[in-house]
Amino acid sequence: MRGVGDERIAFVAGCVVDPTATVFSPWEAREERFRLIRAKWAGVPHWHPNQLRHLFATEVRRVHSLEAAQVLLGHSQADVTQVYAERDFALAAGVAAKIG
């Protein structure tokens, strides 16, 4: 090892190594293992069960109304429902085409 300024470096097999760094991190190893498992799991992309609530709210809003989605989701405020139910841009485009 040789000193460079206040830093110490080591050359191991031609690579610069930080001698103060940990060699193995159980947390990083666990995260890497789970990341690989999730990536390979049946080829299914990452998703969360709450996405089902979003899909349901969006579909109810599209077919019926924001108020129907609000009631079915049990929200007292429509602002909360709008977080779950995406806006229907195709509907907006159709209205714009009709009214010019």
PDB file of N, CA and C in Angstrom:
ATOM      1  N   MET A   1       0.852  -1.184   0.000  1.00  0.00           N
ATOM      2  CA  MET A   1       0.000   0.000   0.000  1.00  0.00           C
ATOM      3  C   MET A   1       0.889   1.235   0.000  1.00  0.00           C
ATOM      4  N   ARG A   2       0.356   2.282  -0.614  1.00  0.00           N
ATOM      5  CA  ARG A   2       1.108   3.520  -0.569  1.00  0.00           C
ATOM      6  C   ARG A   2       0.145   4.660  -0.307  1.00  0.00           C
ATOM      7  N   GLY A   3       0.620   5.703   0.289  1.00  0.00           N
ATOM      8  CA  GLY A   3      -0.235   6.842   0.618  1.00  0.00           C
ATOM      9  C   GLY A   3      -0.270   7.839  -0.512  1.00  0.00           C
ATOM     10  N   VAL A   4      -1.446   8.385  -0.766  1.00  0.00           N
ATOM     11  CA  VAL A   4      -1.616   9.454  -1.736  1.00  0.00           C
ATOM     12  C   VAL A   4      -2.331  10.558  -0.980  1.00  0.00           C
ATOM     13  N   GLY A   5      -1.617  11.599  -0.618  1.00  0.00           N
ATOM     14  CA  GLY A   5      -2.218  12.624   0.214  1.00  0.00           C
ATOM     15  C   GLY A   5      -2.576  12.010   1.562  1.00  0.00           C
ATOM     16  N   ASP A   6      -3.808  12.196   1.997  1.00  0.00           N
ATOM     17  CA  ASP A   6      -4.258  11.586   3.247  1.00  0.00           C
ATOM     18  C   ASP A   6      -4.917  10.239   3.019  1.00  0.00           C
ATOM     19  N   GLU A   7      -5.143   9.866   1.747  1.00  0.00           N
ATOM     20  CA  GLU A   7      -5.825   8.606   1.441  1.00  0.00           C
ATOM     21  C   GLU A   7      -4.821   7.476   1.334  1.00  0.00           C
ATOM     22  N   ARG A   8      -5.295   6.284   1.648  1.00  0.00           N
ATOM     23  CA  ARG A   8      -4.473   5.094   1.472  1.00  0.00           C
ATOM     24  C   ARG A   8      -5.160   4.237   0.428  1.00  0.00           C
ATOM     25  N   ILE A   9      -4.432   3.714  -0.513  1.00  0.00           N
ATOM     26  CA  ILE A   9      -4.982   2.850  -1.535  1.00  0.00           C
ATOM     27  C   ILE A   9      -4.190   1.561  -1.582  1.00  0.00           C
ATOM     28  N   ALA A  10      -4.824   0.538  -2.099  1.00  0.00           N
ATOM     29  CA  ALA A  10      -4.149  -0.745  -2.253  1.00  0.00           C
ATOM     30  C   ALA A  10      -4.393  -1.223  -3.668  1.00  0.00           C
ATOM     31  N   PHE A  11      -3.420  -1.876  -4.223  1.00  0.00           N
ATOM     32  CA  PHE A  11      -3.569  -2.470  -5.538  1.00  0.00           C
ATOM     33  C   PHE A  11      -3.668  -3.971  -5.355  1.00  0.00           C
ATOM     34  N   VAL A  12      -4.773  -4.541  -5.767  1.00  0.00           N
ATOM     35  CA  VAL A  12      -4.980  -5.978  -5.663  1.00  0.00           C
ATOM     36  C   VAL A  12      -5.319  -6.473  -7.052  1.00  0.00           C
ATOM     37  N   ALA A  13      -4.514  -7.339  -7.585  1.00  0.00           N
ATOM     38  CA  ALA A  13      -4.701  -7.896  -8.921  1.00  0.00           C
ATOM     39  C   ALA A  13      -4.915  -6.794  -9.955  1.00  0.00           C
ATOM     40  N   GLY A  14      -4.181  -5.719  -9.819  1.00  0.00           N
ATOM     41  CA  GLY A  14      -4.243  -4.626 -10.775  1.00  0.00           C
ATOM     42  C   GLY A  14      -5.413  -3.676 -10.584  1.00  0.00           C
ATOM     43  N   CYS A  15      -6.183  -3.864  -9.513  1.00  0.00           N
ATOM     44  CA  CYS A  15      -7.343  -3.003  -9.244  1.00  0.00           C
ATOM     45  C   CYS A  15      -7.072  -2.154  -8.017  1.00  0.00           C
ATOM     46  N   VAL A  16      -7.610  -0.936  -8.036  1.00  0.00           N
ATOM     47  CA  VAL A  16      -7.501  -0.072  -6.863  1.00  0.00           C
ATOM     48  C   VAL A  16      -8.581  -0.493  -5.885  1.00  0.00           C
ATOM     49  N   VAL A  17      -8.198  -0.729  -4.653  1.00  0.00           N
ATOM     50  CA  VAL A  17      -9.114  -1.209  -3.630  1.00  0.00           C
ATOM     51  C   VAL A  17      -9.078  -0.257  -2.445  1.00  0.00           C
ATOM     52  N   ASP A  18     -10.245   0.012  -1.896  1.00  0.00           N
ATOM     53  CA  ASP A  18     -10.332   0.817  -0.670  1.00  0.00           C
ATOM     54  C   ASP A  18     -10.197  -0.146   0.509  1.00  0.00           C
ATOM     55  N   PRO A  19      -9.122  -0.092   1.230  1.00  0.00           N
ATOM     56  CA  PRO A  19      -8.916  -1.042   2.322  1.00  0.00           C
ATOM     57  C   PRO A  19      -9.873  -0.841   3.492  1.00  0.00           C
ATOM     58  N   THR A  20     -10.557   0.300   3.550  1.00  0.00           N
ATOM     59  CA  THR A  20     -11.502   0.536   4.643  1.00  0.00           C
ATOM     60  C   THR A  20     -12.909   0.039   4.314  1.00  0.00           C
ATOM     61  N   ALA A  21     -13.149  -0.319   3.059  1.00  0.00           N
ATOM     62  CA  ALA A  21     -14.480  -0.781   2.655  1.00  0.00           C
ATOM     63  C   ALA A  21     -14.719  -2.197   3.136  1.00  0.00           C
ATOM     64  N   THR A  22     -15.986  -2.505   3.417  1.00  0.00           N
ATOM     65  CA  THR A  22     -16.317  -3.866   3.828  1.00  0.00           C
ATOM     66  C   THR A  22     -16.217  -4.792   2.627  1.00  0.00           C
ATOM     67  N   VAL A  23     -15.854  -6.023   2.873  1.00  0.00           N
ATOM     68  CA  VAL A  23     -15.714  -7.006   1.811  1.00  0.00           C
ATOM     69  C   VAL A  23     -17.068  -7.595   1.459  1.00  0.00           C
ATOM     70  N   PHE A  24     -17.914  -7.788   2.465  1.00  0.00           N
ATOM     71  CA  PHE A  24     -19.209  -8.424   2.252  1.00  0.00           C
ATOM     72  C   PHE A  24     -20.260  -7.700   3.077  1.00  0.00           C
ATOM     73  N   SER A  25     -21.368  -7.370   2.459  1.00  0.00           N
ATOM     74  CA  SER A  25     -22.494  -6.750   3.153  1.00  0.00           C
ATOM     75  C   SER A  25     -23.684  -7.695   3.071  1.00  0.00           C
ATOM     76  N   PRO A  26     -24.110  -8.272   4.191  1.00  0.00           N
ATOM     77  CA  PRO A  26     -25.265  -9.167   4.163  1.00  0.00           C
ATOM     78  C   PRO A  26     -26.506  -8.477   3.594  1.00  0.00           C
ATOM     79  N   TRP A  27     -26.704  -7.206   3.925  1.00  0.00           N
ATOM     80  CA  TRP A  27     -27.869  -6.475   3.439  1.00  0.00           C
ATOM     81  C   TRP A  27     -27.815  -6.349   1.916  1.00  0.00           C
ATOM     82  N   GLU A  28     -26.665  -5.961   1.363  1.00  0.00           N
ATOM     83  CA  GLU A  28     -26.540  -5.820  -0.088  1.00  0.00           C
ATOM     84  C   GLU A  28     -26.694  -7.169  -0.789  1.00  0.00           C
ATOM     85  N   ALA A  29     -26.150  -8.215  -0.195  1.00  0.00           N
ATOM     86  CA  ALA A  29     -26.283  -9.546  -0.788  1.00  0.00           C
ATOM     87  C   ALA A  29     -27.741  -9.991  -0.813  1.00  0.00           C
ATOM     88  N   ARG A  30     -28.460  -9.733   0.274  1.00  0.00           N
ATOM     89  CA  ARG A  30     -29.888 -10.092   0.346  1.00  0.00           C
ATOM     90  C   ARG A  30     -30.689  -9.317  -0.692  1.00  0.00           C
ATOM     91  N   GLU A  31     -30.454  -8.029  -0.792  1.00  0.00           N
ATOM     92  CA  GLU A  31     -31.167  -7.203  -1.763  1.00  0.00           C
ATOM     93  C   GLU A  31     -30.890  -7.658  -3.194  1.00  0.00           C
ATOM     94  N   GLU A  32     -29.652  -7.971  -3.489  1.00  0.00           N
ATOM     95  CA  GLU A  32     -29.290  -8.445  -4.827  1.00  0.00           C
ATOM     96  C   GLU A  32     -29.973  -9.778  -5.134  1.00  0.00           C
ATOM     97  N   ARG A  33     -29.986 -10.684  -4.158  1.00  0.00           N
ATOM     98  CA  ARG A  33     -30.623 -11.980  -4.349  1.00  0.00           C
ATOM     99  C   ARG A  33     -32.122 -11.802  -4.628  1.00  0.00           C
ATOM    100  N   PHE A  34     -32.796 -10.978  -3.831  1.00  0.00           N
ATOM    101  CA  PHE A  34     -34.227 -10.756  -4.037  1.00  0.00           C
ATOM    102  C   PHE A  34     -34.514 -10.029  -5.349  1.00  0.00           C
ATOM    103  N   ARG A  35     -33.631  -9.121  -5.748  1.00  0.00           N
ATOM    104  CA  ARG A  35     -33.812  -8.421  -7.023  1.00  0.00           C
ATOM    105  C   ARG A  35     -33.762  -9.419  -8.181  1.00  0.00           C
ATOM    106  N   LEU A  36     -32.818 -10.346  -8.115  1.00  0.00           N
ATOM    107  CA  LEU A  36     -32.707 -11.362  -9.165  1.00  0.00           C
ATOM    108  C   LEU A  36     -33.905 -12.300  -9.172  1.00  0.00           C
ATOM    109  N   ILE A  37     -34.382 -12.668  -7.998  1.00  0.00           N
ATOM    110  CA  ILE A  37     -35.560 -13.543  -7.910  1.00  0.00           C
ATOM    111  C   ILE A  37     -36.775 -12.846  -8.504  1.00  0.00           C
ATOM    112  N   ARG A  38     -36.971 -11.589  -8.147  1.00  0.00           N
ATOM    113  CA  ARG A  38     -38.124 -10.842  -8.673  1.00  0.00           C
ATOM    114  C   ARG A  38     -38.035 -10.690 -10.185  1.00  0.00           C
ATOM    115  N   ALA A  39     -36.831 -10.473 -10.687  1.00  0.00           N
ATOM    116  CA  ALA A  39     -36.656 -10.285 -12.129  1.00  0.00           C
ATOM    117  C   ALA A  39     -36.958 -11.562 -12.906  1.00  0.00           C
ATOM    118  N   LYS A  40     -36.683 -12.707 -12.307  1.00  0.00           N
ATOM    119  CA  LYS A  40     -36.874 -13.973 -13.007  1.00  0.00           C
ATOM    120  C   LYS A  40     -38.241 -14.600 -12.748  1.00  0.00           C
ATOM    121  N   TRP A  41     -38.957 -14.134 -11.736  1.00  0.00           N
ATOM    122  CA  TRP A  41     -40.172 -14.809 -11.288  1.00  0.00           C
ATOM    123  C   TRP A  41     -41.227 -14.846 -12.379  1.00  0.00           C
ATOM    124  N   ALA A  42     -41.314 -15.961 -13.065  1.00  0.00           N
ATOM    125  CA  ALA A  42     -42.328 -16.239 -14.086  1.00  0.00           C
ATOM    126  C   ALA A  42     -42.408 -15.162 -15.162  1.00  0.00           C
ATOM    127  N   GLY A  43     -41.391 -14.360 -15.312  1.00  0.00           N
ATOM    128  CA  GLY A  43     -41.399 -13.323 -16.333  1.00  0.00           C
ATOM    129  C   GLY A  43     -42.425 -12.225 -16.102  1.00  0.00           C
ATOM    130  N   VAL A  44     -42.972 -12.156 -14.886  1.00  0.00           N
ATOM    131  CA  VAL A  44     -43.994 -11.154 -14.565  1.00  0.00           C
ATOM    132  C   VAL A  44     -43.296  -9.869 -14.145  1.00  0.00           C
ATOM    133  N   PRO A  45     -43.647  -8.735 -14.758  1.00  0.00           N
ATOM    134  CA  PRO A  45     -43.037  -7.479 -14.341  1.00  0.00           C
ATOM    135  C   PRO A  45     -43.475  -7.106 -12.925  1.00  0.00           C
ATOM    136  N   HIS A  46     -42.705  -6.271 -12.288  1.00  0.00           N
ATOM    137  CA  HIS A  46     -43.011  -5.842 -10.929  1.00  0.00           C
ATOM    138  C   HIS A  46     -44.395  -5.196 -10.883  1.00  0.00           C
ATOM    139  N   TRP A  47     -45.186  -5.567  -9.889  1.00  0.00           N
ATOM    140  CA  TRP A  47     -46.496  -4.957  -9.696  1.00  0.00           C
ATOM    141  C   TRP A  47     -46.829  -4.987  -8.219  1.00  0.00           C
ATOM    142  N   HIS A  48     -47.834  -4.242  -7.857  1.00  0.00           N
ATOM    143  CA  HIS A  48     -48.270  -4.166  -6.473  1.00  0.00           C
ATOM    144  C   HIS A  48     -49.774  -4.392  -6.440  1.00  0.00           C
ATOM    145  N   PRO A  49     -50.303  -5.082  -5.437  1.00  0.00           N
ATOM    146  CA  PRO A  49     -51.743  -5.338  -5.371  1.00  0.00           C
ATOM    147  C   PRO A  49     -52.595  -4.068  -5.436  1.00  0.00           C
ATOM    148  N   ASN A  50     -52.051  -2.945  -5.000  1.00  0.00           N
ATOM    149  CA  ASN A  50     -52.806  -1.692  -5.038  1.00  0.00           C
ATOM    150  C   ASN A  50     -53.109  -1.258  -6.475  1.00  0.00           C
ATOM    151  N   GLN A  51     -52.356  -1.805  -7.434  1.00  0.00           N
ATOM    152  CA  GLN A  51     -52.629  -1.492  -8.836  1.00  0.00           C
ATOM    153  C   GLN A  51     -54.012  -2.000  -9.243  1.00  0.00           C
ATOM    154  N   LEU A  52     -54.490  -3.065  -8.587  1.00  0.00           N
ATOM    155  CA  LEU A  52     -55.833  -3.565  -8.874  1.00  0.00           C
ATOM    156  C   LEU A  52     -56.878  -2.528  -8.486  1.00  0.00           C
ATOM    157  N   ARG A  53     -56.658  -1.833  -7.383  1.00  0.00           N
ATOM    158  CA  ARG A  53     -57.577  -0.773  -6.940  1.00  0.00           C
ATOM    159  C   ARG A  53     -57.582   0.370  -7.955  1.00  0.00           C
ATOM    160  N   HIS A  54     -56.404   0.729  -8.437  1.00  0.00           N
ATOM    161  CA  HIS A  54     -56.311   1.782  -9.457  1.00  0.00           C
ATOM    162  C   HIS A  54     -57.050   1.372 -10.733  1.00  0.00           C
ATOM    163  N   LEU A  55     -56.838   0.139 -11.171  1.00  0.00           N
ATOM    164  CA  LEU A  55     -57.491  -0.349 -12.383  1.00  0.00           C
ATOM    165  C   LEU A  55     -59.009  -0.335 -12.215  1.00  0.00           C
ATOM    166  N   PHE A  56     -59.492  -0.826 -11.077  1.00  0.00           N
ATOM    167  CA  PHE A  56     -60.923  -0.848 -10.806  1.00  0.00           C
ATOM    168  C   PHE A  56     -61.500   0.567 -10.820  1.00  0.00           C
ATOM    169  N   ALA A  57     -60.855   1.477 -10.120  1.00  0.00           N
ATOM    170  CA  ALA A  57     -61.337   2.863 -10.049  1.00  0.00           C
ATOM    171  C   ALA A  57     -61.359   3.514 -11.428  1.00  0.00           C
ATOM    172  N   THR A  58     -60.330   3.274 -12.207  1.00  0.00           N
ATOM    173  CA  THR A  58     -60.260   3.854 -13.549  1.00  0.00           C
ATOM    174  C   THR A  58     -61.371   3.323 -14.441  1.00  0.00           C
ATOM    175  N   GLU A  59     -61.604   2.020 -14.368  1.00  0.00           N
ATOM    176  CA  GLU A  59     -62.647   1.411 -15.203  1.00  0.00           C
ATOM    177  C   GLU A  59     -64.041   1.902 -14.800  1.00  0.00           C
ATOM    178  N   VAL A  60     -64.313   1.973 -13.502  1.00  0.00           N
ATOM    179  CA  VAL A  60     -65.620   2.471 -13.044  1.00  0.00           C
ATOM    180  C   VAL A  60     -65.799   3.920 -13.470  1.00  0.00           C
ATOM    181  N   ARG A  61     -64.773   4.731 -13.337  1.00  0.00           N
ATOM    182  CA  ARG A  61     -64.871   6.135 -13.750  1.00  0.00           C
ATOM    183  C   ARG A  61     -65.119   6.236 -15.253  1.00  0.00           C
ATOM    184  N   ARG A  62     -64.440   5.408 -16.040  1.00  0.00           N
ATOM    185  CA  ARG A  62     -64.586   5.469 -17.495  1.00  0.00           C
ATOM    186  C   ARG A  62     -65.992   5.062 -17.918  1.00  0.00           C
ATOM    187  N   VAL A  63     -66.506   3.979 -17.354  1.00  0.00           N
ATOM    188  CA  VAL A  63     -67.801   3.449 -17.771  1.00  0.00           C
ATOM    189  C   VAL A  63     -68.965   4.207 -17.135  1.00  0.00           C
ATOM    190  N   HIS A  64     -68.809   4.613 -15.883  1.00  0.00           N
ATOM    191  CA  HIS A  64     -69.940   5.211 -15.163  1.00  0.00           C
ATOM    192  C   HIS A  64     -69.679   6.678 -14.846  1.00  0.00           C
ATOM    193  N   SER A  65     -68.906   6.953 -13.843  1.00  0.00           N
ATOM    194  CA  SER A  65     -68.602   8.346 -13.494  1.00  0.00           C
ATOM    195  C   SER A  65     -67.604   8.374 -12.347  1.00  0.00           C
ATOM    196  N   LEU A  66     -67.055   9.565 -12.115  1.00  0.00           N
ATOM    197  CA  LEU A  66     -66.161   9.756 -10.979  1.00  0.00           C
ATOM    198  C   LEU A  66     -66.915   9.526  -9.677  1.00  0.00           C
ATOM    199  N   GLU A  67     -68.167   9.982  -9.624  1.00  0.00           N
ATOM    200  CA  GLU A  67     -68.959   9.809  -8.401  1.00  0.00           C
ATOM    201  C   GLU A  67     -69.183   8.327  -8.086  1.00  0.00           C
ATOM    202  N   ALA A  68     -69.439   7.518  -9.104  1.00  0.00           N
ATOM    203  CA  ALA A  68     -69.626   6.081  -8.892  1.00  0.00           C
ATOM    204  C   ALA A  68     -68.340   5.454  -8.348  1.00  0.00           C
ATOM    205  N   ALA A  69     -67.218   5.835  -8.910  1.00  0.00           N
ATOM    206  CA  ALA A  69     -65.938   5.317  -8.423  1.00  0.00           C
ATOM    207  C   ALA A  69     -65.703   5.760  -6.985  1.00  0.00           C
ATOM    208  N   GLN A  70     -66.041   6.992  -6.681  1.00  0.00           N
ATOM    209  CA  GLN A  70     -65.868   7.519  -5.331  1.00  0.00           C
ATOM    210  C   GLN A  70     -66.668   6.703  -4.317  1.00  0.00           C
ATOM    211  N   VAL A  71     -67.918   6.421  -4.635  1.00  0.00           N
ATOM    212  CA  VAL A  71     -68.778   5.658  -3.731  1.00  0.00           C
ATOM    213  C   VAL A  71     -68.260   4.234  -3.579  1.00  0.00           C
ATOM    214  N   LEU A  72     -67.906   3.597  -4.688  1.00  0.00           N
ATOM    215  CA  LEU A  72     -67.459   2.210  -4.630  1.00  0.00           C
ATOM    216  C   LEU A  72     -66.123   2.044  -3.905  1.00  0.00           C
ATOM    217  N   LEU A  73     -65.283   3.063  -3.960  1.00  0.00           N
ATOM    218  CA  LEU A  73     -64.011   2.997  -3.257  1.00  0.00           C
ATOM    219  C   LEU A  73     -64.135   3.429  -1.802  1.00  0.00           C
ATOM    220  N   GLY A  74     -65.284   4.006  -1.452  1.00  0.00           N
ATOM    221  CA  GLY A  74     -65.510   4.425  -0.068  1.00  0.00           C
ATOM    222  C   GLY A  74     -64.829   5.727   0.299  1.00  0.00           C
ATOM    223  N   HIS A  75     -64.617   6.577  -0.680  1.00  0.00           N
ATOM    224  CA  HIS A  75     -63.973   7.870  -0.410  1.00  0.00           C
ATOM    225  C   HIS A  75     -65.023   8.934  -0.093  1.00  0.00           C
ATOM    226  N   SER A  76     -64.737   9.768   0.890  1.00  0.00           N
ATOM    227  CA  SER A  76     -65.651  10.857   1.202  1.00  0.00           C
ATOM    228  C   SER A  76     -65.347  12.084   0.334  1.00  0.00           C
ATOM    229  N   GLN A  77     -64.162  12.149  -0.223  1.00  0.00           N
ATOM    230  CA  GLN A  77     -63.752  13.270  -1.066  1.00  0.00           C
ATOM    231  C   GLN A  77     -63.408  12.777  -2.471  1.00  0.00           C
ATOM    232  N   ALA A  78     -63.922  13.454  -3.481  1.00  0.00           N
ATOM    233  CA  ALA A  78     -63.626  13.072  -4.865  1.00  0.00           C
ATOM    234  C   ALA A  78     -62.150  13.287  -5.199  1.00  0.00           C
ATOM    235  N   ASP A  79     -61.485  14.195  -4.482  1.00  0.00           N
ATOM    236  CA  ASP A  79     -60.058  14.437  -4.727  1.00  0.00           C
ATOM    237  C   ASP A  79     -59.238  13.165  -4.518  1.00  0.00           C
ATOM    238  N   VAL A  80     -59.625  12.394  -3.507  1.00  0.00           N
ATOM    239  CA  VAL A  80     -58.906  11.148  -3.224  1.00  0.00           C
ATOM    240  C   VAL A  80     -59.149  10.146  -4.345  1.00  0.00           C
ATOM    241  N   THR A  81     -60.376  10.073  -4.821  1.00  0.00           N
ATOM    242  CA  THR A  81     -60.720   9.139  -5.897  1.00  0.00           C
ATOM    243  C   THR A  81     -59.931   9.463  -7.159  1.00  0.00           C
ATOM    244  N   GLN A  82     -59.702  10.723  -7.407  1.00  0.00           N
ATOM    245  CA  GLN A  82     -58.979  11.116  -8.615  1.00  0.00           C
ATOM    246  C   GLN A  82     -57.529  10.633  -8.591  1.00  0.00           C
ATOM    247  N   VAL A  83     -56.999  10.373  -7.412  1.00  0.00           N
ATOM    248  CA  VAL A  83     -55.654   9.811  -7.312  1.00  0.00           C
ATOM    249  C   VAL A  83     -55.656   8.383  -7.859  1.00  0.00           C
ATOM    250  N   TYR A  84     -56.739   7.657  -7.612  1.00  0.00           N
ATOM    251  CA  TYR A  84     -56.839   6.262  -8.043  1.00  0.00           C
ATOM    252  C   TYR A  84     -57.349   6.127  -9.471  1.00  0.00           C
ATOM    253  N   ALA A  85     -58.351   6.905  -9.833  1.00  0.00           N
ATOM    254  CA  ALA A  85     -59.003   6.754 -11.133  1.00  0.00           C
ATOM    255  C   ALA A  85     -58.360   7.689 -12.153  1.00  0.00           C
ATOM    256  N   GLU A  86     -57.701   7.129 -13.135  1.00  0.00           N
ATOM    257  CA  GLU A  86     -57.053   7.942 -14.160  1.00  0.00           C
ATOM    258  C   GLU A  86     -58.090   8.616 -15.041  1.00  0.00           C
ATOM    259  N   ARG A  87     -57.707   9.758 -15.571  1.00  0.00           N
ATOM    260  CA  ARG A  87     -58.606  10.483 -16.471  1.00  0.00           C
ATOM    261  C   ARG A  87     -58.686   9.773 -17.817  1.00  0.00           C
ATOM    262  N   ASP A  88     -59.829   9.915 -18.461  1.00  0.00           N
ATOM    263  CA  ASP A  88     -60.070   9.256 -19.748  1.00  0.00           C
ATOM    264  C   ASP A  88     -59.774  10.255 -20.871  1.00  0.00           C
ATOM    265  N   PHE A  89     -58.567  10.202 -21.386  1.00  0.00           N
ATOM    266  CA  PHE A  89     -58.163  11.137 -22.426  1.00  0.00           C
ATOM    267  C   PHE A  89     -58.866  10.847 -23.757  1.00  0.00           C
ATOM    268  N   ALA A  90     -59.221   9.591 -24.000  1.00  0.00           N
ATOM    269  CA  ALA A  90     -59.960   9.256 -25.221  1.00  0.00           C
ATOM    270  C   ALA A  90     -61.335   9.911 -25.193  1.00  0.00           C
ATOM    271  N   LEU A  91     -61.980   9.916 -24.027  1.00  0.00           N
ATOM    272  CA  LEU A  91     -63.273  10.578 -23.885  1.00  0.00           C
ATOM    273  C   LEU A  91     -63.134  12.072 -24.140  1.00  0.00           C
ATOM    274  N   ALA A  92     -62.117  12.674 -23.590  1.00  0.00           N
ATOM    275  CA  ALA A  92     -61.880  14.100 -23.786  1.00  0.00           C
ATOM    276  C   ALA A  92     -61.633  14.419 -25.262  1.00  0.00           C
ATOM    277  N   ALA A  93     -60.886  13.561 -25.948  1.00  0.00           N
ATOM    278  CA  ALA A  93     -60.617  13.766 -27.379  1.00  0.00           C
ATOM    279  C   ALA A  93     -61.903  13.652 -28.175  1.00  0.00           C
ATOM    280  N   GLY A  94     -62.795  12.705 -27.806  1.00  0.00           N
ATOM    281  CA  GLY A  94     -64.079  12.541 -28.483  1.00  0.00           C
ATOM    282  C   GLY A  94     -64.964  13.765 -28.299  1.00  0.00           C
ATOM    283  N   VAL A  95     -64.988  14.305 -27.079  1.00  0.00           N
ATOM    284  CA  VAL A  95     -65.779  15.514 -26.810  1.00  0.00           C
ATOM    285  C   VAL A  95     -65.223  16.683 -27.608  1.00  0.00           C
ATOM    286  N   ALA A  96     -63.908  16.826 -27.629  1.00  0.00           N
ATOM    287  CA  ALA A  96     -63.290  17.923 -28.370  1.00  0.00           C
ATOM    288  C   ALA A  96     -63.600  17.803 -29.864  1.00  0.00           C
ATOM    289  N   ALA A  97     -63.611  16.601 -30.397  1.00  0.00           N
ATOM    290  CA  ALA A  97     -63.928  16.400 -31.811  1.00  0.00           C
ATOM    291  C   ALA A  97     -65.368  16.772 -32.106  1.00  0.00           C
ATOM    292  N   LYS A  98     -66.275  16.477 -31.181  1.00  0.00           N
ATOM    293  CA  LYS A  98     -67.689  16.790 -31.393  1.00  0.00           C
ATOM    294  C   LYS A  98     -67.967  18.280 -31.355  1.00  0.00           C
ATOM    295  N   ILE A  99     -67.341  18.979 -30.415  1.00  0.00           N
ATOM    296  CA  ILE A  99     -67.644  20.400 -30.269  1.00  0.00           C
ATOM    297  C   ILE A  99     -66.720  21.299 -31.064  1.00  0.00           C
ATOM    298  N   GLY A 100     -65.713  20.699 -31.647  1.00  0.00           N
ATOM    299  CA  GLY A 100     -64.828  21.451 -32.540  1.00  0.00           C
ATOM    300  C   GLY A 100     -63.739  22.072 -31.824  1.00  0.00           C
TER     301      GLY A 100
END
